[in-house]
Amino acid sequence: MAKWEAFRQCPGCGFDFASGEGERSCSWGDCPYLPEELNVFCDQCRFNFFTMEGNPPCEDPLTCAEAAEPRSHVENLRTWEGNLRPAPSVTEHPRES
């Protein structure tokens, strides 16, 4: 298991690392504990490659020289978020006669 897969948010933190929204339980701008492998924001303009939202100064954020690293983290973040969700429970329904 990669180190980023074991990452857990601080207690009380409601910040959504994918959307960049939500309430933090601290006063940090960026989470100092977030592994780099889960960072999907451009370091230059903060464009979000997970949601494809932002106001990049470049013409095409997908071909920007700064895009390669955060784009490579998108799948990691999807995997990390998927691992946080509890497995769906199977509910048995009584058979109708």
PDB file of N, CA and C in Angstrom:
ATOM      1  N   MET A   1       0.845  -1.174   0.000  1.00  0.00           N
ATOM      2  CA  MET A   1       0.000   0.000   0.000  1.00  0.00           C
ATOM      3  C   MET A   1       0.893   1.239   0.000  1.00  0.00           C
ATOM      4  N   ALA A   2       0.591   2.157  -0.900  1.00  0.00           N
ATOM      5  CA  ALA A   2       1.346   3.407  -0.962  1.00  0.00           C
ATOM      6  C   ALA A   2       1.010   4.267   0.251  1.00  0.00           C
ATOM      7  N   LYS A   3       1.939   5.102   0.654  1.00  0.00           N
ATOM      8  CA  LYS A   3       1.756   5.943   1.839  1.00  0.00           C
ATOM      9  C   LYS A   3       0.511   6.828   1.713  1.00  0.00           C
ATOM     10  N   TRP A   4       0.239   7.352   0.513  1.00  0.00           N
ATOM     11  CA  TRP A   4      -0.905   8.243   0.331  1.00  0.00           C
ATOM     12  C   TRP A   4      -2.230   7.521   0.539  1.00  0.00           C
ATOM     13  N   GLU A   5      -2.252   6.211   0.334  1.00  0.00           N
ATOM     14  CA  GLU A   5      -3.492   5.450   0.523  1.00  0.00           C
ATOM     15  C   GLU A   5      -3.901   5.377   1.988  1.00  0.00           C
ATOM     16  N   ALA A   6      -2.945   5.510   2.898  1.00  0.00           N
ATOM     17  CA  ALA A   6      -3.228   5.451   4.330  1.00  0.00           C
ATOM     18  C   ALA A   6      -3.542   6.827   4.918  1.00  0.00           C
ATOM     19  N   PHE A   7      -3.461   7.884   4.118  1.00  0.00           N
ATOM     20  CA  PHE A   7      -3.716   9.244   4.609  1.00  0.00           C
ATOM     21  C   PHE A   7      -5.149   9.376   5.120  1.00  0.00           C
ATOM     22  N   ARG A   8      -5.316  10.010   6.268  1.00  0.00           N
ATOM     23  CA  ARG A   8      -6.626  10.318   6.826  1.00  0.00           C
ATOM     24  C   ARG A   8      -6.645  11.786   7.244  1.00  0.00           C
ATOM     25  N   GLN A   9      -7.772  12.419   7.032  1.00  0.00           N
ATOM     26  CA  GLN A   9      -7.921  13.818   7.420  1.00  0.00           C
ATOM     27  C   GLN A   9      -7.911  13.944   8.935  1.00  0.00           C
ATOM     28  N   CYS A  10      -7.580  15.132   9.402  1.00  0.00           N
ATOM     29  CA  CYS A  10      -7.597  15.405  10.834  1.00  0.00           C
ATOM     30  C   CYS A  10      -9.025  15.298  11.355  1.00  0.00           C
ATOM     31  N   PRO A  11      -9.191  14.947  12.621  1.00  0.00           N
ATOM     32  CA  PRO A  11     -10.536  14.892  13.203  1.00  0.00           C
ATOM     33  C   PRO A  11     -11.226  16.256  13.066  1.00  0.00           C
ATOM     34  N   GLY A  12     -12.458  16.235  12.648  1.00  0.00           N
ATOM     35  CA  GLY A  12     -13.232  17.464  12.504  1.00  0.00           C
ATOM     36  C   GLY A  12     -13.050  18.181  11.184  1.00  0.00           C
ATOM     37  N   CYS A  13     -12.138  17.716  10.349  1.00  0.00           N
ATOM     38  CA  CYS A  13     -11.902  18.370   9.059  1.00  0.00           C
ATOM     39  C   CYS A  13     -12.966  17.929   8.065  1.00  0.00           C
ATOM     40  N   GLY A  14     -13.669  18.908   7.502  1.00  0.00           N
ATOM     41  CA  GLY A  14     -14.691  18.637   6.499  1.00  0.00           C
ATOM     42  C   GLY A  14     -14.286  19.122   5.124  1.00  0.00           C
ATOM     43  N   PHE A  15     -13.001  19.403   4.937  1.00  0.00           N
ATOM     44  CA  PHE A  15     -12.511  19.904   3.666  1.00  0.00           C
ATOM     45  C   PHE A  15     -12.506  18.796   2.629  1.00  0.00           C
ATOM     46  N   ASP A  16     -13.024  19.092   1.462  1.00  0.00           N
ATOM     47  CA  ASP A  16     -13.064  18.135   0.354  1.00  0.00           C
ATOM     48  C   ASP A  16     -11.853  18.412  -0.531  1.00  0.00           C
ATOM     49  N   PHE A  17     -10.889  17.519  -0.499  1.00  0.00           N
ATOM     50  CA  PHE A  17      -9.654  17.718  -1.259  1.00  0.00           C
ATOM     51  C   PHE A  17      -9.875  17.668  -2.765  1.00  0.00           C
ATOM     52  N   ALA A  18     -10.948  17.061  -3.201  1.00  0.00           N
ATOM     53  CA  ALA A  18     -11.247  16.991  -4.632  1.00  0.00           C
ATOM     54  C   ALA A  18     -11.813  18.309  -5.144  1.00  0.00           C
ATOM     55  N   SER A  19     -12.772  18.868  -4.437  1.00  0.00           N
ATOM     56  CA  SER A  19     -13.428  20.093  -4.910  1.00  0.00           C
ATOM     57  C   SER A  19     -12.766  21.356  -4.384  1.00  0.00           C
ATOM     58  N   GLY A  20     -12.011  21.243  -3.306  1.00  0.00           N
ATOM     59  CA  GLY A  20     -11.406  22.422  -2.702  1.00  0.00           C
ATOM     60  C   GLY A  20     -12.395  23.207  -1.860  1.00  0.00           C
ATOM     61  N   GLU A  21     -13.492  22.578  -1.481  1.00  0.00           N
ATOM     62  CA  GLU A  21     -14.527  23.242  -0.696  1.00  0.00           C
ATOM     63  C   GLU A  21     -14.718  22.527   0.628  1.00  0.00           C
ATOM     64  N   GLY A  22     -15.393  23.201   1.539  1.00  0.00           N
ATOM     65  CA  GLY A  22     -15.705  22.600   2.829  1.00  0.00           C
ATOM     66  C   GLY A  22     -14.976  23.286   3.957  1.00  0.00           C
ATOM     67  N   GLU A  23     -15.369  22.931   5.155  1.00  0.00           N
ATOM     68  CA  GLU A  23     -14.815  23.536   6.363  1.00  0.00           C
ATOM     69  C   GLU A  23     -13.585  22.781   6.844  1.00  0.00           C
ATOM     70  N   ARG A  24     -12.540  23.529   7.105  1.00  0.00           N
ATOM     71  CA  ARG A  24     -11.329  22.945   7.677  1.00  0.00           C
ATOM     72  C   ARG A  24     -11.429  23.041   9.199  1.00  0.00           C
ATOM     73  N   SER A  25     -10.759  22.163   9.894  1.00  0.00           N
ATOM     74  CA  SER A  25     -10.727  22.235  11.353  1.00  0.00           C
ATOM     75  C   SER A  25      -9.469  22.951  11.835  1.00  0.00           C
ATOM     76  N   CYS A  26      -8.733  23.550  10.896  1.00  0.00           N
ATOM     77  CA  CYS A  26      -7.502  24.263  11.237  1.00  0.00           C
ATOM     78  C   CYS A  26      -7.469  25.591  10.489  1.00  0.00           C
ATOM     79  N   SER A  27      -6.394  26.312  10.643  1.00  0.00           N
ATOM     80  CA  SER A  27      -6.272  27.599   9.958  1.00  0.00           C
ATOM     81  C   SER A  27      -5.266  27.565   8.808  1.00  0.00           C
ATOM     82  N   TRP A  28      -4.866  26.368   8.391  1.00  0.00           N
ATOM     83  CA  TRP A  28      -3.932  26.242   7.277  1.00  0.00           C
ATOM     84  C   TRP A  28      -4.640  26.549   5.962  1.00  0.00           C
ATOM     85  N   GLY A  29      -3.961  27.166   5.029  1.00  0.00           N
ATOM     86  CA  GLY A  29      -4.514  27.388   3.695  1.00  0.00           C
ATOM     87  C   GLY A  29      -4.577  26.068   2.945  1.00  0.00           C
ATOM     88  N   ASP A  30      -3.439  25.432   2.797  1.00  0.00           N
ATOM     89  CA  ASP A  30      -3.351  24.101   2.203  1.00  0.00           C
ATOM     90  C   ASP A  30      -3.008  23.134   3.322  1.00  0.00           C
ATOM     91  N   CYS A  31      -3.559  21.951   3.248  1.00  0.00           N
ATOM     92  CA  CYS A  31      -3.296  20.952   4.283  1.00  0.00           C
ATOM     93  C   CYS A  31      -1.810  20.592   4.269  1.00  0.00           C
ATOM     94  N   PRO A  32      -1.107  20.809   5.381  1.00  0.00           N
ATOM     95  CA  PRO A  32       0.320  20.471   5.414  1.00  0.00           C
ATOM     96  C   PRO A  32       0.575  18.965   5.461  1.00  0.00           C
ATOM     97  N   TYR A  33      -0.468  18.177   5.717  1.00  0.00           N
ATOM     98  CA  TYR A  33      -0.322  16.730   5.831  1.00  0.00           C
ATOM     99  C   TYR A  33      -0.718  15.984   4.562  1.00  0.00           C
ATOM    100  N   LEU A  34      -1.351  16.687   3.627  1.00  0.00           N
ATOM    101  CA  LEU A  34      -1.805  16.041   2.400  1.00  0.00           C
ATOM    102  C   LEU A  34      -0.612  15.536   1.594  1.00  0.00           C
ATOM    103  N   PRO A  35      -0.563  14.246   1.308  1.00  0.00           N
ATOM    104  CA  PRO A  35       0.538  13.740   0.490  1.00  0.00           C
ATOM    105  C   PRO A  35       0.498  14.366  -0.910  1.00  0.00           C
ATOM    106  N   GLU A  36       1.651  14.643  -1.443  1.00  0.00           N
ATOM    107  CA  GLU A  36       1.745  15.268  -2.769  1.00  0.00           C
ATOM    108  C   GLU A  36       1.011  14.447  -3.822  1.00  0.00           C
ATOM    109  N   GLU A  37       0.971  13.141  -3.645  1.00  0.00           N
ATOM    110  CA  GLU A  37       0.316  12.253  -4.615  1.00  0.00           C
ATOM    111  C   GLU A  37      -1.199  12.437  -4.677  1.00  0.00           C
ATOM    112  N   LEU A  38      -1.774  13.206  -3.740  1.00  0.00           N
ATOM    113  CA  LEU A  38      -3.210  13.489  -3.746  1.00  0.00           C
ATOM    114  C   LEU A  38      -3.522  14.937  -4.125  1.00  0.00           C
ATOM    115  N   ASN A  39      -2.495  15.721  -4.400  1.00  0.00           N
ATOM    116  CA  ASN A  39      -2.684  17.132  -4.746  1.00  0.00           C
ATOM    117  C   ASN A  39      -3.032  17.259  -6.227  1.00  0.00           C
ATOM    118  N   VAL A  40      -4.261  17.685  -6.519  1.00  0.00           N
ATOM    119  CA  VAL A  40      -4.731  17.794  -7.907  1.00  0.00           C
ATOM    120  C   VAL A  40      -4.802  19.248  -8.376  1.00  0.00           C
ATOM    121  N   PHE A  41      -4.202  20.165  -7.630  1.00  0.00           N
ATOM    122  CA  PHE A  41      -4.226  21.583  -7.977  1.00  0.00           C
ATOM    123  C   PHE A  41      -2.912  22.016  -8.618  1.00  0.00           C
ATOM    124  N   CYS A  42      -3.013  22.870  -9.624  1.00  0.00           N
ATOM    125  CA  CYS A  42      -1.823  23.442 -10.245  1.00  0.00           C
ATOM    126  C   CYS A  42      -1.114  24.317  -9.216  1.00  0.00           C
ATOM    127  N   ASP A  43       0.183  24.160  -9.087  1.00  0.00           N
ATOM    128  CA  ASP A  43       0.943  24.956  -8.131  1.00  0.00           C
ATOM    129  C   ASP A  43       1.039  26.420  -8.537  1.00  0.00           C
ATOM    130  N   GLN A  44       0.872  26.703  -9.814  1.00  0.00           N
ATOM    131  CA  GLN A  44       0.994  28.078 -10.298  1.00  0.00           C
ATOM    132  C   GLN A  44      -0.306  28.876 -10.186  1.00  0.00           C
ATOM    133  N   CYS A  45      -1.427  28.266 -10.572  1.00  0.00           N
ATOM    134  CA  CYS A  45      -2.690  29.027 -10.628  1.00  0.00           C
ATOM    135  C   CYS A  45      -3.823  28.406  -9.815  1.00  0.00           C
ATOM    136  N   ARG A  46      -3.584  27.256  -9.190  1.00  0.00           N
ATOM    137  CA  ARG A  46      -4.573  26.543  -8.366  1.00  0.00           C
ATOM    138  C   ARG A  46      -5.736  25.971  -9.171  1.00  0.00           C
ATOM    139  N   PHE A  47      -5.554  25.771 -10.491  1.00  0.00           N
ATOM    140  CA  PHE A  47      -6.577  25.110 -11.307  1.00  0.00           C
ATOM    141  C   PHE A  47      -6.754  23.702 -10.755  1.00  0.00           C
ATOM    142  N   ASN A  48      -8.000  23.249 -10.646  1.00  0.00           N
ATOM    143  CA  ASN A  48      -8.317  21.937 -10.091  1.00  0.00           C
ATOM    144  C   ASN A  48      -8.471  20.936 -11.238  1.00  0.00           C
ATOM    145  N   PHE A  49      -7.550  20.007 -11.348  1.00  0.00           N
ATOM    146  CA  PHE A  49      -7.597  19.017 -12.427  1.00  0.00           C
ATOM    147  C   PHE A  49      -8.558  17.872 -12.130  1.00  0.00           C
ATOM    148  N   PHE A  50      -9.084  17.789 -10.909  1.00  0.00           N
ATOM    149  CA  PHE A  50     -10.087  16.791 -10.583  1.00  0.00           C
ATOM    150  C   PHE A  50     -11.456  17.254 -11.075  1.00  0.00           C
ATOM    151  N   THR A  51     -11.804  18.496 -10.769  1.00  0.00           N
ATOM    152  CA  THR A  51     -13.107  19.039 -11.178  1.00  0.00           C
ATOM    153  C   THR A  51     -13.033  19.780 -12.499  1.00  0.00           C
ATOM    154  N   MET A  52     -11.815  20.044 -12.968  1.00  0.00           N
ATOM    155  CA  MET A  52     -11.575  20.833 -14.197  1.00  0.00           C
ATOM    156  C   MET A  52     -12.172  22.229 -14.053  1.00  0.00           C
ATOM    157  N   GLU A  53     -12.037  22.797 -12.866  1.00  0.00           N
ATOM    158  CA  GLU A  53     -12.529  24.140 -12.593  1.00  0.00           C
ATOM    159  C   GLU A  53     -11.379  25.040 -12.157  1.00  0.00           C
ATOM    160  N   GLY A  54     -11.519  26.295 -12.491  1.00  0.00           N
ATOM    161  CA  GLY A  54     -10.533  27.282 -12.099  1.00  0.00           C
ATOM    162  C   GLY A  54     -10.435  28.354 -13.159  1.00  0.00           C
ATOM    163  N   ASN A  55      -9.496  29.235 -12.972  1.00  0.00           N
ATOM    164  CA  ASN A  55      -9.299  30.346 -13.893  1.00  0.00           C
ATOM    165  C   ASN A  55      -7.827  30.382 -14.305  1.00  0.00           C
ATOM    166  N   PRO A  56      -7.409  29.407 -15.122  1.00  0.00           N
ATOM    167  CA  PRO A  56      -5.991  29.327 -15.476  1.00  0.00           C
ATOM    168  C   PRO A  56      -5.586  30.441 -16.449  1.00  0.00           C
ATOM    169  N   PRO A  57      -4.376  30.944 -16.319  1.00  0.00           N
ATOM    170  CA  PRO A  57      -3.900  31.959 -17.253  1.00  0.00           C
ATOM    171  C   PRO A  57      -3.496  31.371 -18.605  1.00  0.00           C
ATOM    172  N   CYS A  58      -3.269  30.054 -18.644  1.00  0.00           N
ATOM    173  CA  CYS A  58      -2.873  29.424 -19.897  1.00  0.00           C
ATOM    174  C   CYS A  58      -4.104  29.147 -20.764  1.00  0.00           C
ATOM    175  N   GLU A  59      -3.882  29.024 -22.048  1.00  0.00           N
ATOM    176  CA  GLU A  59      -4.983  28.811 -22.986  1.00  0.00           C
ATOM    177  C   GLU A  59      -5.664  27.462 -22.782  1.00  0.00           C
ATOM    178  N   ASP A  60      -4.880  26.412 -22.580  1.00  0.00           N
ATOM    179  CA  ASP A  60      -5.426  25.071 -22.384  1.00  0.00           C
ATOM    180  C   ASP A  60      -4.737  24.434 -21.184  1.00  0.00           C
ATOM    181  N   PRO A  61      -5.434  24.354 -20.036  1.00  0.00           N
ATOM    182  CA  PRO A  61      -4.778  23.819 -18.842  1.00  0.00           C
ATOM    183  C   PRO A  61      -4.322  22.367 -18.985  1.00  0.00           C
ATOM    184  N   LEU A  62      -4.919  21.610 -19.873  1.00  0.00           N
ATOM    185  CA  LEU A  62      -4.518  20.215 -20.042  1.00  0.00           C
ATOM    186  C   LEU A  62      -3.182  20.054 -20.743  1.00  0.00           C
ATOM    187  N   THR A  63      -2.776  21.054 -21.502  1.00  0.00           N
ATOM    188  CA  THR A  63      -1.493  20.977 -22.201  1.00  0.00           C
ATOM    189  C   THR A  63      -0.445  21.895 -21.579  1.00  0.00           C
ATOM    190  N   CYS A  64      -0.784  22.542 -20.498  1.00  0.00           N
ATOM    191  CA  CYS A  64       0.141  23.436 -19.802  1.00  0.00           C
ATOM    192  C   CYS A  64       1.333  22.626 -19.266  1.00  0.00           C
ATOM    193  N   ALA A  65       2.495  23.232 -19.248  1.00  0.00           N
ATOM    194  CA  ALA A  65       3.697  22.562 -18.754  1.00  0.00           C
ATOM    195  C   ALA A  65       3.568  22.179 -17.283  1.00  0.00           C
ATOM    196  N   GLU A  66       2.755  22.905 -16.532  1.00  0.00           N
ATOM    197  CA  GLU A  66       2.572  22.628 -15.102  1.00  0.00           C
ATOM    198  C   GLU A  66       1.547  21.535 -14.843  1.00  0.00           C
ATOM    199  N   ALA A  67       0.855  21.050 -15.872  1.00  0.00           N
ATOM    200  CA  ALA A  67      -0.290  20.143 -15.698  1.00  0.00           C
ATOM    201  C   ALA A  67       0.087  18.686 -15.447  1.00  0.00           C
ATOM    202  N   ALA A  68       1.218  18.257 -15.889  1.00  0.00           N
ATOM    203  CA  ALA A  68       1.550  16.823 -15.847  1.00  0.00           C
ATOM    204  C   ALA A  68       1.470  16.230 -14.447  1.00  0.00           C
ATOM    205  N   GLU A  69       2.069  16.865 -13.473  1.00  0.00           N
ATOM    206  CA  GLU A  69       2.093  16.290 -12.126  1.00  0.00           C
ATOM    207  C   GLU A  69       0.706  16.270 -11.471  1.00  0.00           C
ATOM    208  N   PRO A  70      -0.016  17.399 -11.387  1.00  0.00           N
ATOM    209  CA  PRO A  70      -1.336  17.313 -10.749  1.00  0.00           C
ATOM    210  C   PRO A  70      -2.319  16.411 -11.500  1.00  0.00           C
ATOM    211  N   ARG A  71      -2.219  16.349 -12.819  1.00  0.00           N
ATOM    212  CA  ARG A  71      -3.100  15.447 -13.579  1.00  0.00           C
ATOM    213  C   ARG A  71      -2.810  13.996 -13.239  1.00  0.00           C
ATOM    214  N   SER A  72      -1.563  13.677 -12.975  1.00  0.00           N
ATOM    215  CA  SER A  72      -1.209  12.299 -12.624  1.00  0.00           C
ATOM    216  C   SER A  72      -1.734  11.904 -11.246  1.00  0.00           C
ATOM    217  N   HIS A  73      -2.143  12.875 -10.447  1.00  0.00           N
ATOM    218  CA  HIS A  73      -2.650  12.612  -9.103  1.00  0.00           C
ATOM    219  C   HIS A  73      -4.163  12.413  -9.063  1.00  0.00           C
ATOM    220  N   VAL A  74      -4.853  12.717 -10.146  1.00  0.00           N
ATOM    221  CA  VAL A  74      -6.317  12.625 -10.171  1.00  0.00           C
ATOM    222  C   VAL A  74      -6.791  11.204  -9.872  1.00  0.00           C
ATOM    223  N   GLU A  75      -6.197  10.225 -10.494  1.00  0.00           N
ATOM    224  CA  GLU A  75      -6.614   8.835 -10.259  1.00  0.00           C
ATOM    225  C   GLU A  75      -6.315   8.409  -8.823  1.00  0.00           C
ATOM    226  N   ASN A  76      -5.206   8.897  -8.266  1.00  0.00           N
ATOM    227  CA  ASN A  76      -4.899   8.604  -6.861  1.00  0.00           C
ATOM    228  C   ASN A  76      -6.006   9.133  -5.954  1.00  0.00           C
ATOM    229  N   LEU A  77      -6.448  10.367  -6.213  1.00  0.00           N
ATOM    230  CA  LEU A  77      -7.485  10.971  -5.376  1.00  0.00           C
ATOM    231  C   LEU A  77      -8.801  10.212  -5.513  1.00  0.00           C
ATOM    232  N   ARG A  78      -9.132   9.786  -6.720  1.00  0.00           N
ATOM    233  CA  ARG A  78     -10.347   8.976  -6.912  1.00  0.00           C
ATOM    234  C   ARG A  78     -10.259   7.670  -6.110  1.00  0.00           C
ATOM    235  N   THR A  79      -9.115   7.026  -6.174  1.00  0.00           N
ATOM    236  CA  THR A  79      -8.910   5.779  -5.436  1.00  0.00           C
ATOM    237  C   THR A  79      -9.001   6.030  -3.942  1.00  0.00           C
ATOM    238  N   TRP A  80      -8.347   7.083  -3.462  1.00  0.00           N
ATOM    239  CA  TRP A  80      -8.355   7.413  -2.038  1.00  0.00           C
ATOM    240  C   TRP A  80      -9.772   7.694  -1.553  1.00  0.00           C
ATOM    241  N   GLU A  81     -10.528   8.487  -2.309  1.00  0.00           N
ATOM    242  CA  GLU A  81     -11.909   8.780  -1.917  1.00  0.00           C
ATOM    243  C   GLU A  81     -12.763   7.511  -1.937  1.00  0.00           C
ATOM    244  N   GLY A  82     -12.578   6.666  -2.930  1.00  0.00           N
ATOM    245  CA  GLY A  82     -13.327   5.421  -3.009  1.00  0.00           C
ATOM    246  C   GLY A  82     -13.050   4.505  -1.832  1.00  0.00           C
ATOM    247  N   ASN A  83     -11.820   4.508  -1.350  1.00  0.00           N
ATOM    248  CA  ASN A  83     -11.461   3.674  -0.205  1.00  0.00           C
ATOM    249  C   ASN A  83     -12.049   4.196   1.094  1.00  0.00           C
ATOM    250  N   LEU A  84     -12.411   5.472   1.140  1.00  0.00           N
ATOM    251  CA  LEU A  84     -12.988   6.055   2.349  1.00  0.00           C
ATOM    252  C   LEU A  84     -14.457   5.719   2.510  1.00  0.00           C
ATOM    253  N   ARG A  85     -15.126   5.474   1.408  1.00  0.00           N
ATOM    254  CA  ARG A  85     -16.559   5.174   1.462  1.00  0.00           C
ATOM    255  C   ARG A  85     -16.774   3.780   2.026  1.00  0.00           C
ATOM    256  N   PRO A  86     -17.738   3.664   2.934  1.00  0.00           N
ATOM    257  CA  PRO A  86     -18.017   2.318   3.449  1.00  0.00           C
ATOM    258  C   PRO A  86     -18.608   1.436   2.365  1.00  0.00           C
ATOM    259  N   ALA A  87     -18.330   0.172   2.457  1.00  0.00           N
ATOM    260  CA  ALA A  87     -18.871  -0.782   1.479  1.00  0.00           C
ATOM    261  C   ALA A  87     -20.388  -0.808   1.611  1.00  0.00           C
ATOM    262  N   PRO A  88     -21.098  -0.870   0.494  1.00  0.00           N
ATOM    263  CA  PRO A  88     -22.560  -0.914   0.585  1.00  0.00           C
ATOM    264  C   PRO A  88     -23.012  -2.183   1.296  1.00  0.00           C
ATOM    265  N   SER A  89     -24.004  -2.004   2.139  1.00  0.00           N
ATOM    266  CA  SER A  89     -24.512  -3.176   2.862  1.00  0.00           C
ATOM    267  C   SER A  89     -25.614  -3.830   2.042  1.00  0.00           C
ATOM    268  N   VAL A  90     -25.723  -5.105   2.201  1.00  0.00           N
ATOM    269  CA  VAL A  90     -26.748  -5.858   1.493  1.00  0.00           C
ATOM    270  C   VAL A  90     -27.932  -5.992   2.445  1.00  0.00           C
ATOM    271  N   THR A  91     -29.058  -5.496   2.010  1.00  0.00           N
ATOM    272  CA  THR A  91     -30.255  -5.572   2.827  1.00  0.00           C
ATOM    273  C   THR A  91     -31.154  -6.657   2.241  1.00  0.00           C
ATOM    274  N   GLU A  92     -31.494  -7.591   3.077  1.00  0.00           N
ATOM    275  CA  GLU A  92     -32.366  -8.658   2.614  1.00  0.00           C
ATOM    276  C   GLU A  92     -33.809  -8.232   2.781  1.00  0.00           C
ATOM    277  N   HIS A  93     -34.561  -8.425   1.771  1.00  0.00           N
ATOM    278  CA  HIS A  93     -35.983  -8.102   1.799  1.00  0.00           C
ATOM    279  C   HIS A  93     -36.758  -9.405   1.961  1.00  0.00           C
ATOM    280  N   PRO A  94     -37.738  -9.409   2.864  1.00  0.00           N
ATOM    281  CA  PRO A  94     -38.526 -10.639   2.993  1.00  0.00           C
ATOM    282  C   PRO A  94     -39.291 -10.918   1.705  1.00  0.00           C
ATOM    283  N   ARG A  95     -39.382 -12.162   1.387  1.00  0.00           N
ATOM    284  CA  ARG A  95     -40.099 -12.542   0.178  1.00  0.00           C
ATOM    285  C   ARG A  95     -41.595 -12.320   0.363  1.00  0.00           C
ATOM    286  N   GLU A  96     -42.175 -11.815  -0.675  1.00  0.00           N
ATOM    287  CA  GLU A  96     -43.631 -11.621  -0.624  1.00  0.00           C
ATOM    288  C   GLU A  96     -44.303 -12.902  -1.092  1.00  0.00           C
ATOM    289  N   SER A  97     -45.369 -13.282  -0.401  1.00  0.00           N
ATOM    290  CA  SER A  97     -46.082 -14.514  -0.767  1.00  0.00           C
ATOM    291  C   SER A  97     -47.085 -14.265  -1.845  1.00  0.00           C
TER     292      SER A  97
END
